[in-house]
Amino acid sequence: MNRDKKKIYLEKQIKYKTNTKKQVHNTTMEIINTDFKQGIARLRLTDPEDVWYLSQLIEANDIITAKTTRKVKVSTAENAAIIKKTITLTIAVEDTAITDTGTFLRVHGTIKEGPEDIPTGSYHTISLEQGLEFTLQKERWMEFQKKK
């Protein structure tokens, strides 16, 4: 290895070792908070590769809480206006799918908690994307999942 290549290699190693984000299996997903006794992890996606890791981590019956948009009727009349609202919802996961572009993880499930104008038990899909902060709750975390 010539001197310049070796210098670049060493600089990359130093940057890797001094990175302030917690490394989670070759991904830079930021772990904001964890309480594995309660089964809760608060995460932020920081890289498009995080989408794939999450698709392996999130399973049916997990609970996801995140900000999302939902179309809501303004009144009960037939010709009521429909608006998009940004809300925080908690859903029980039924399935997940990575979009064709690979930049979103679509998490589909039933609503467990949300604003009072959103009926619980109805279906909703939350799109997890880079920069989004969310809470993942599992009944039981396996050791390999904690390391992811």
C-alpha atoms as a PDB file:
ATOM      1  CA  MET A   1       0.000   0.000   0.000  1.00  0.00           C
ATOM      2  CA  ASN A   2       1.520   3.307  -0.978  1.00  0.00           C
ATOM      3  CA  ARG A   3       1.832   6.155   1.509  1.00  0.00           C
ATOM      4  CA  ASP A   4      -1.189   8.214   0.248  1.00  0.00           C
ATOM      5  CA  LYS A   5      -3.551   5.247   0.259  1.00  0.00           C
ATOM      6  CA  LYS A   6      -2.386   4.264   3.724  1.00  0.00           C
ATOM      7  CA  LYS A   7      -2.991   7.823   4.994  1.00  0.00           C
ATOM      8  CA  ILE A   8      -6.553   7.846   3.592  1.00  0.00           C
ATOM      9  CA  TYR A   9      -7.198   4.424   5.103  1.00  0.00           C
ATOM     10  CA  LEU A  10      -5.998   5.586   8.537  1.00  0.00           C
ATOM     11  CA  GLU A  11      -8.108   8.758   8.331  1.00  0.00           C
ATOM     12  CA  LYS A  12     -11.208   6.647   7.650  1.00  0.00           C
ATOM     13  CA  GLN A  13     -10.376   4.425  10.629  1.00  0.00           C
ATOM     14  CA  ILE A  14     -10.024   7.456  12.905  1.00  0.00           C
ATOM     15  CA  LYS A  15     -13.340   8.913  11.701  1.00  0.00           C
ATOM     16  CA  TYR A  16     -15.018   5.544  12.304  1.00  0.00           C
ATOM     17  CA  LYS A  17     -13.652   5.224  15.835  1.00  0.00           C
ATOM     18  CA  THR A  18     -14.466   8.819  16.818  1.00  0.00           C
ATOM     19  CA  ASN A  19     -17.984   8.823  15.383  1.00  0.00           C
ATOM     20  CA  THR A  20     -20.360   9.989  18.141  1.00  0.00           C
ATOM     21  CA  LYS A  21     -23.349   8.018  16.869  1.00  0.00           C
ATOM     22  CA  LYS A  22     -23.790   4.516  18.198  1.00  0.00           C
ATOM     23  CA  GLN A  23     -22.953   2.010  15.495  1.00  0.00           C
ATOM     24  CA  VAL A  24     -25.605  -0.646  14.947  1.00  0.00           C
ATOM     25  CA  HIS A  25     -24.285  -3.408  12.665  1.00  0.00           C
ATOM     26  CA  ASN A  26     -22.667  -1.325   9.908  1.00  0.00           C
ATOM     27  CA  THR A  27     -25.546   1.123   9.974  1.00  0.00           C
ATOM     28  CA  THR A  28     -25.660   4.564  11.480  1.00  0.00           C
ATOM     29  CA  MET A  29     -29.223   4.356  12.762  1.00  0.00           C
ATOM     30  CA  GLU A  30     -29.286   6.594  15.791  1.00  0.00           C
ATOM     31  CA  ILE A  31     -30.397   5.008  19.043  1.00  0.00           C
ATOM     32  CA  ILE A  32     -31.990   7.826  21.021  1.00  0.00           C
ATOM     33  CA  ASN A  33     -33.186   5.850  24.010  1.00  0.00           C
ATOM     34  CA  THR A  34     -33.684   2.212  24.996  1.00  0.00           C
ATOM     35  CA  ASP A  35     -35.467   0.471  27.828  1.00  0.00           C
ATOM     36  CA  PHE A  36     -35.328  -3.210  26.965  1.00  0.00           C
ATOM     37  CA  LYS A  37     -36.983  -4.155  30.272  1.00  0.00           C
ATOM     38  CA  GLN A  38     -40.072  -2.290  29.056  1.00  0.00           C
ATOM     39  CA  GLY A  39     -39.414  -3.496  25.494  1.00  0.00           C
ATOM     40  CA  ILE A  40     -39.004   0.025  24.083  1.00  0.00           C
ATOM     41  CA  ALA A  41     -36.418   1.583  21.750  1.00  0.00           C
ATOM     42  CA  ARG A  42     -36.537   5.142  20.383  1.00  0.00           C
ATOM     43  CA  LEU A  43     -34.699   5.316  17.034  1.00  0.00           C
ATOM     44  CA  ARG A  44     -33.938   7.759  14.216  1.00  0.00           C
ATOM     45  CA  LEU A  45     -33.164   6.696  10.664  1.00  0.00           C
ATOM     46  CA  THR A  46     -30.032   8.461   9.445  1.00  0.00           C
ATOM     47  CA  ASP A  47     -29.155   6.454   6.347  1.00  0.00           C
ATOM     48  CA  PRO A  48     -31.130   4.814   3.523  1.00  0.00           C
ATOM     49  CA  GLU A  49     -29.596   1.439   4.496  1.00  0.00           C
ATOM     50  CA  ASP A  50     -31.412   1.683   7.831  1.00  0.00           C
ATOM     51  CA  VAL A  51     -34.626   0.829   5.983  1.00  0.00           C
ATOM     52  CA  TRP A  52     -33.384  -2.683   5.254  1.00  0.00           C
ATOM     53  CA  TYR A  53     -32.218  -3.235   8.843  1.00  0.00           C
ATOM     54  CA  LEU A  54     -35.605  -2.151  10.135  1.00  0.00           C
ATOM     55  CA  SER A  55     -37.383  -4.528   7.760  1.00  0.00           C
ATOM     56  CA  GLN A  56     -35.470  -7.333   9.470  1.00  0.00           C
ATOM     57  CA  LEU A  57     -36.116  -5.967  12.969  1.00  0.00           C
ATOM     58  CA  ILE A  58     -39.819  -5.077  12.903  1.00  0.00           C
ATOM     59  CA  GLU A  59     -42.173  -8.045  13.186  1.00  0.00           C
ATOM     60  CA  ALA A  60     -45.918  -8.652  13.352  1.00  0.00           C
ATOM     61  CA  ASN A  61     -47.481  -7.558  16.679  1.00  0.00           C
ATOM     62  CA  ASP A  62     -44.725  -5.014  17.393  1.00  0.00           C
ATOM     63  CA  ILE A  63     -45.940  -1.526  18.311  1.00  0.00           C
ATOM     64  CA  ILE A  64     -44.753   1.536  16.338  1.00  0.00           C
ATOM     65  CA  THR A  65     -45.357   5.150  17.367  1.00  0.00           C
ATOM     66  CA  ALA A  66     -44.445   7.846  14.849  1.00  0.00           C
ATOM     67  CA  LYS A  67     -45.582  11.033  13.160  1.00  0.00           C
ATOM     68  CA  THR A  68     -47.549  10.423  10.001  1.00  0.00           C
ATOM     69  CA  THR A  69     -50.102  12.103   7.749  1.00  0.00           C
ATOM     70  CA  ARG A  70     -53.692  10.983   7.441  1.00  0.00           C
ATOM     71  CA  LYS A  71     -56.654  12.219   5.433  1.00  0.00           C
ATOM     72  CA  VAL A  72     -59.434  13.353   7.747  1.00  0.00           C
ATOM     73  CA  LYS A  73     -62.986  14.491   6.949  1.00  0.00           C
ATOM     74  CA  VAL A  74     -63.734  17.939   8.348  1.00  0.00           C
ATOM     75  CA  SER A  75     -67.454  17.213   8.950  1.00  0.00           C
ATOM     76  CA  THR A  76     -69.852  14.274   8.761  1.00  0.00           C
ATOM     77  CA  ALA A  77     -71.733  15.532   5.677  1.00  0.00           C
ATOM     78  CA  GLU A  78     -71.475  13.628   2.376  1.00  0.00           C
ATOM     79  CA  ASN A  79     -69.622  16.459   0.618  1.00  0.00           C
ATOM     80  CA  ALA A  80     -67.319  17.113   3.569  1.00  0.00           C
ATOM     81  CA  ALA A  81     -63.881  18.488   2.799  1.00  0.00           C
ATOM     82  CA  ILE A  82     -60.975  16.128   3.325  1.00  0.00           C
ATOM     83  CA  ILE A  83     -57.713  17.518   4.669  1.00  0.00           C
ATOM     84  CA  LYS A  84     -54.332  15.971   5.389  1.00  0.00           C
ATOM     85  CA  LYS A  85     -53.268  16.214   9.015  1.00  0.00           C
ATOM     86  CA  THR A  86     -49.888  15.442  10.532  1.00  0.00           C
ATOM     87  CA  ILE A  87     -50.534  13.370  13.626  1.00  0.00           C
ATOM     88  CA  THR A  88     -48.769  10.966  15.951  1.00  0.00           C
ATOM     89  CA  LEU A  89     -50.184   7.445  15.794  1.00  0.00           C
ATOM     90  CA  THR A  90     -49.443   4.184  17.533  1.00  0.00           C
ATOM     91  CA  ILE A  91     -50.103   1.092  15.446  1.00  0.00           C
ATOM     92  CA  ALA A  92     -49.866  -2.651  16.012  1.00  0.00           C
ATOM     93  CA  VAL A  93     -47.788  -3.961  13.112  1.00  0.00           C
ATOM     94  CA  GLU A  94     -49.307  -6.515  10.763  1.00  0.00           C
ATOM     95  CA  ASP A  95     -46.742  -6.402   7.961  1.00  0.00           C
ATOM     96  CA  THR A  96     -43.929  -4.349   6.441  1.00  0.00           C
ATOM     97  CA  ALA A  97     -42.742  -3.657   2.906  1.00  0.00           C
ATOM     98  CA  ILE A  98     -39.792  -1.786   1.451  1.00  0.00           C
ATOM     99  CA  THR A  99     -40.761   0.558  -1.392  1.00  0.00           C
ATOM    100  CA  ASP A 100     -39.389   0.006  -4.901  1.00  0.00           C
ATOM    101  CA  THR A 101     -36.892   2.842  -4.420  1.00  0.00           C
ATOM    102  CA  GLY A 102     -35.716   1.333  -1.129  1.00  0.00           C
ATOM    103  CA  THR A 103     -35.941   4.659   0.694  1.00  0.00           C
ATOM    104  CA  PHE A 104     -39.108   3.958   2.728  1.00  0.00           C
ATOM    105  CA  LEU A 105     -40.278   1.138   4.940  1.00  0.00           C
ATOM    106  CA  ARG A 106     -44.066   0.970   4.895  1.00  0.00           C
ATOM    107  CA  VAL A 107     -45.397  -0.398   8.197  1.00  0.00           C
ATOM    108  CA  HIS A 108     -49.031  -1.463   7.997  1.00  0.00           C
ATOM    109  CA  GLY A 109     -51.266  -2.201  10.965  1.00  0.00           C
ATOM    110  CA  THR A 110     -54.208  -1.261  13.152  1.00  0.00           C
ATOM    111  CA  ILE A 111     -54.340   1.974  15.112  1.00  0.00           C
ATOM    112  CA  LYS A 112     -53.975   1.536  18.874  1.00  0.00           C
ATOM    113  CA  GLU A 113     -53.622   5.190  19.941  1.00  0.00           C
ATOM    114  CA  GLY A 114     -54.066   8.543  18.304  1.00  0.00           C
ATOM    115  CA  PRO A 115     -56.141  11.724  18.331  1.00  0.00           C
ATOM    116  CA  GLU A 116     -59.777  11.285  19.309  1.00  0.00           C
ATOM    117  CA  ASP A 117     -61.027  12.021  15.764  1.00  0.00           C
ATOM    118  CA  ILE A 118     -59.112   8.963  14.448  1.00  0.00           C
ATOM    119  CA  PRO A 119     -60.935   5.688  15.208  1.00  0.00           C
ATOM    120  CA  THR A 120     -58.882   3.023  16.975  1.00  0.00           C
ATOM    121  CA  GLY A 121     -58.902  -0.329  15.236  1.00  0.00           C
ATOM    122  CA  SER A 122     -58.868   1.219  11.752  1.00  0.00           C
ATOM    123  CA  TYR A 123     -55.945   0.520   9.449  1.00  0.00           C
ATOM    124  CA  HIS A 124     -53.060   2.872   8.710  1.00  0.00           C
ATOM    125  CA  THR A 125     -49.647   2.649   7.067  1.00  0.00           C
ATOM    126  CA  ILE A 126     -46.702   4.587   8.501  1.00  0.00           C
ATOM    127  CA  SER A 127     -43.817   5.286   6.144  1.00  0.00           C
ATOM    128  CA  LEU A 128     -40.486   5.163   7.970  1.00  0.00           C
ATOM    129  CA  GLU A 129     -37.862   7.208   6.133  1.00  0.00           C
ATOM    130  CA  GLN A 130     -34.504   8.867   6.668  1.00  0.00           C
ATOM    131  CA  GLY A 131     -34.648  11.542   9.388  1.00  0.00           C
ATOM    132  CA  LEU A 132     -37.806  10.164  11.026  1.00  0.00           C
ATOM    133  CA  GLU A 133     -37.754   9.539  14.765  1.00  0.00           C
ATOM    134  CA  PHE A 134     -40.017   6.760  16.051  1.00  0.00           C
ATOM    135  CA  THR A 135     -40.575   4.341  18.914  1.00  0.00           C
ATOM    136  CA  LEU A 136     -40.457   0.577  18.463  1.00  0.00           C
ATOM    137  CA  GLN A 137     -41.940  -1.583  21.179  1.00  0.00           C
ATOM    138  CA  LYS A 138     -41.578  -5.345  21.256  1.00  0.00           C
ATOM    139  CA  GLU A 139     -42.989  -7.794  23.726  1.00  0.00           C
ATOM    140  CA  ARG A 140     -39.574  -9.448  23.896  1.00  0.00           C
ATOM    141  CA  TRP A 141     -36.256  -8.356  22.343  1.00  0.00           C
ATOM    142  CA  MET A 142     -33.942 -11.170  21.270  1.00  0.00           C
ATOM    143  CA  GLU A 143     -30.226 -10.620  21.906  1.00  0.00           C
ATOM    144  CA  PHE A 144     -29.385 -10.361  18.192  1.00  0.00           C
ATOM    145  CA  GLN A 145     -32.130  -7.725  17.765  1.00  0.00           C
ATOM    146  CA  LYS A 146     -30.626  -5.590  20.521  1.00  0.00           C
ATOM    147  CA  LYS A 147     -27.333  -5.592  18.616  1.00  0.00           C
ATOM    148  CA  LYS A 148     -28.947  -4.578  15.321  1.00  0.00           C
END
